[in-house]
Amino acid sequence: MESYLVSLGAGVLIGVIYSVIKVRSPAPPLIALVGLLGMVIGAQAVPALKPLLGL
């Protein structure tokens, strides 16, 4: 969990720096990032739910 928080903090810091120096971020648009988040959640949900469903 700690690595996720460090990664999030680094991303926020870089975002702030980009904003201050007025550089356009090379990251994909927000809608693409939300889609990627959904894919990660879905991929993690299947192994977590298998024991609960008896599969």
Protein backbone atom coordinates (compact mmCIF):
# COMPACT_ATOMS: atom_id res chain seq x y z
CA MET A 1 0.00 0.00 0.00
CA GLU A 2 2.90 2.33 0.76
CA SER A 3 4.18 2.14 -2.82
CA TYR A 4 0.76 3.23 -4.10
CA LEU A 5 0.76 6.25 -1.82
CA VAL A 6 4.30 7.20 -2.86
CA SER A 7 3.31 6.86 -6.51
CA LEU A 8 0.21 9.00 -6.00
CA GLY A 9 2.21 11.64 -4.13
CA ALA A 10 4.86 11.75 -6.87
CA GLY A 11 2.18 12.13 -9.52
CA VAL A 12 0.49 14.97 -7.65
CA LEU A 13 3.85 16.71 -7.15
CA ILE A 14 4.69 16.46 -10.85
CA GLY A 15 1.21 17.71 -11.75
CA VAL A 16 1.69 20.76 -9.54
CA ILE A 17 5.11 21.44 -11.07
CA TYR A 18 3.69 21.12 -14.60
CA SER A 19 0.90 23.53 -13.69
CA VAL A 20 3.28 26.10 -12.18
CA ILE A 21 5.61 26.12 -15.19
CA LYS A 22 2.63 25.89 -17.58
CA VAL A 23 3.68 22.68 -19.34
CA ARG A 24 0.99 20.53 -20.90
CA SER A 25 1.01 17.06 -19.36
CA PRO A 26 1.78 14.17 -21.73
CA ALA A 27 -0.75 12.03 -19.84
CA PRO A 28 -3.90 10.85 -21.62
CA PRO A 29 -7.16 12.70 -20.99
CA LEU A 30 -9.04 12.09 -17.75
CA ILE A 31 -11.66 9.88 -19.41
CA ALA A 32 -8.92 7.46 -20.57
CA LEU A 33 -7.45 7.34 -17.07
CA VAL A 34 -10.86 6.53 -15.60
CA GLY A 35 -11.20 3.69 -18.09
CA LEU A 36 -7.79 2.34 -17.09
CA LEU A 37 -8.77 2.53 -13.43
CA GLY A 38 -11.89 0.52 -14.20
CA MET A 39 -9.79 -2.13 -15.94
CA VAL A 40 -7.47 -2.42 -12.94
CA ILE A 41 -10.39 -2.68 -10.51
CA GLY A 42 -12.04 -5.33 -12.66
CA ALA A 43 -8.85 -7.36 -12.94
CA GLN A 44 -8.38 -7.26 -9.15
CA ALA A 45 -12.03 -8.04 -8.42
CA VAL A 46 -12.12 -11.42 -10.15
CA PRO A 47 -9.45 -13.14 -7.99
CA ALA A 48 -10.88 -11.53 -4.87
CA LEU A 49 -14.43 -12.71 -5.59
CA LYS A 50 -13.61 -16.29 -6.70
CA PRO A 51 -13.40 -17.68 -3.15
CA LEU A 52 -16.61 -15.91 -2.15
CA LEU A 53 -18.47 -17.40 -5.11
CA GLY A 54 -17.01 -20.87 -4.58
CA LEU A 55 -15.24 -20.94 -7.95
